[in-house]
Amino acid sequence: MSELLASDLSARIVLALALLPFLYFAARDQVLHFTARRVSVAENLLHLALGVLLTVAITRAFLFRERSVAVTVLAFAVAGSVDEFVFHRGLPAVEHDVHAKEHFALFVFVAVFGALAHFR
């Protein structure tokens, strides 16, 4: 039993490390929302919904609830697509760059979660 607990703890540490790059770029993105361009109320509301979905997905990932993570990440992807196609046309280059890195960092986190969940 203690071996299983140690394995879960190790997996959660790896998952936390995989989350750090995303958190860094997400924080930079938030700063840009106050400096690079003015974000509308509608976009802010969509970002709030995205934040809630992502918080649910991340907390479920740390609990290794694969099905819940999959459903929430899918909902996040749909809402994120709306954000990208409606609000993110003609972004300043610096914000575009941060978004690309933020998206890739989130993909890495989800991939690490998938690998850990599979091999647990």
Protein backbone atom coordinates (compact mmCIF):
# COMPACT_ATOMS: atom_id res chain seq x y z
CA MET A 1 0.00 0.00 0.00
CA SER A 2 2.77 2.49 0.85
CA GLU A 3 4.38 1.72 -2.52
CA LEU A 4 1.20 2.82 -4.26
CA LEU A 5 1.10 6.03 -2.20
CA ALA A 6 4.74 6.76 -3.06
CA SER A 7 3.97 6.14 -6.73
CA ASP A 8 1.01 8.55 -6.60
CA LEU A 9 3.13 11.17 -4.85
CA SER A 10 5.89 10.83 -7.45
CA ALA A 11 3.37 11.09 -10.27
CA ARG A 12 1.86 14.22 -8.73
CA ILE A 13 5.29 15.82 -8.38
CA VAL A 14 6.01 15.13 -12.05
CA LEU A 15 2.58 16.52 -12.95
CA ALA A 16 3.22 19.66 -10.89
CA LEU A 17 6.56 20.18 -12.63
CA ALA A 18 4.86 19.75 -16.01
CA LEU A 19 2.32 22.42 -15.05
CA LEU A 20 4.91 25.10 -14.18
CA PRO A 21 5.67 26.29 -17.75
CA PHE A 22 1.95 26.72 -18.44
CA LEU A 23 1.47 28.74 -15.25
CA TYR A 24 4.37 30.98 -16.22
CA PHE A 25 2.99 31.73 -19.69
CA ALA A 26 -0.58 32.09 -18.37
CA ALA A 27 0.66 34.72 -15.92
CA ARG A 28 2.49 36.55 -18.73
CA ASP A 29 -0.70 36.41 -20.82
CA GLN A 30 -2.67 38.01 -17.98
CA VAL A 31 -0.14 40.83 -17.74
CA LEU A 32 -0.48 41.41 -21.49
CA HIS A 33 -4.25 41.77 -21.09
CA PHE A 34 -3.52 44.93 -19.12
CA THR A 35 -0.61 46.24 -21.20
CA ALA A 36 -0.67 45.06 -24.85
CA ARG A 37 -4.33 45.59 -25.69
CA ARG A 38 -7.69 46.32 -24.13
CA VAL A 39 -9.73 43.14 -23.58
CA SER A 40 -13.52 43.43 -23.95
CA VAL A 41 -16.01 42.41 -21.27
CA ALA A 42 -17.22 39.52 -23.46
CA GLU A 43 -13.66 38.23 -23.89
CA ASN A 44 -13.03 38.56 -20.16
CA LEU A 45 -16.18 36.53 -19.44
CA LEU A 46 -15.04 33.85 -21.86
CA HIS A 47 -11.60 33.87 -20.20
CA LEU A 48 -13.33 33.40 -16.83
CA ALA A 49 -15.18 30.36 -18.19
CA LEU A 50 -11.91 29.03 -19.63
CA GLY A 51 -10.23 29.53 -16.27
CA VAL A 52 -12.96 27.60 -14.47
CA LEU A 53 -12.78 24.74 -16.97
CA LEU A 54 -9.01 24.62 -16.75
CA THR A 55 -9.07 24.68 -12.95
CA VAL A 56 -11.45 21.72 -12.96
CA ALA A 57 -9.29 19.84 -15.48
CA ILE A 58 -6.08 20.45 -13.53
CA THR A 59 -7.55 19.48 -10.16
CA ARG A 60 -9.05 16.34 -11.69
CA ALA A 61 -5.68 15.55 -13.29
CA PHE A 62 -4.02 15.56 -9.87
CA LEU A 63 -6.70 13.11 -8.72
CA PHE A 64 -6.10 10.96 -11.85
CA ARG A 65 -9.74 11.15 -12.93
CA GLU A 66 -9.06 10.42 -16.59
CA ARG A 67 -12.63 10.58 -17.86
CA SER A 68 -13.36 13.84 -16.06
CA VAL A 69 -10.14 15.39 -17.37
CA ALA A 70 -10.94 14.28 -20.92
CA VAL A 71 -14.46 15.78 -20.85
CA THR A 72 -13.27 19.03 -19.28
CA VAL A 73 -10.31 19.42 -21.65
CA LEU A 74 -12.67 18.85 -24.57
CA ALA A 75 -15.01 21.59 -23.29
CA PHE A 76 -11.96 23.82 -22.76
CA ALA A 77 -10.82 23.18 -26.34
CA VAL A 78 -14.24 24.14 -27.73
CA ALA A 79 -14.45 27.33 -25.65
CA GLY A 80 -10.80 28.10 -26.39
CA SER A 81 -11.48 27.78 -30.11
CA VAL A 82 -14.21 30.38 -29.80
CA ASP A 83 -11.74 32.65 -28.00
CA GLU A 84 -9.12 32.17 -30.70
CA PHE A 85 -11.42 32.58 -33.72
CA VAL A 86 -13.53 35.45 -32.36
CA PHE A 87 -11.23 37.53 -30.17
CA HIS A 88 -7.66 36.73 -31.15
CA ARG A 89 -7.52 37.99 -34.71
CA GLY A 90 -4.76 40.52 -35.29
CA LEU A 91 -3.13 40.19 -31.90
CA PRO A 92 0.06 42.11 -31.17
CA ALA A 93 3.09 39.92 -31.96
CA VAL A 94 4.16 39.67 -28.32
CA GLU A 95 0.73 38.39 -27.25
CA HIS A 96 0.59 35.97 -30.17
CA ASP A 97 3.99 34.59 -29.14
CA VAL A 98 2.91 34.12 -25.51
CA HIS A 99 -0.33 32.41 -26.60
CA ALA A 100 1.57 29.92 -28.77
CA LYS A 101 3.91 29.05 -25.90
CA GLU A 102 1.04 28.91 -23.43
CA HIS A 103 -0.91 26.52 -25.66
CA PHE A 104 2.12 24.29 -26.17
CA ALA A 105 2.85 24.25 -22.43
CA LEU A 106 -0.75 23.20 -21.75
CA PHE A 107 -0.44 20.47 -24.37
CA VAL A 108 2.72 19.20 -22.62
CA PHE A 109 0.88 19.12 -19.28
CA VAL A 110 -2.01 17.13 -20.79
CA ALA A 111 0.44 14.76 -22.52
CA VAL A 112 2.35 14.18 -19.28
CA PHE A 113 -0.94 13.54 -17.50
CA GLY A 114 -1.93 11.04 -20.19
CA ALA A 115 1.38 9.20 -19.90
CA LEU A 116 1.25 9.13 -16.10
CA ALA A 117 -2.37 7.97 -16.08
CA HIS A 118 -1.56 5.22 -18.58
CA PHE A 119 1.49 3.90 -16.74
CA ARG A 120 0.20 4.28 -13.17
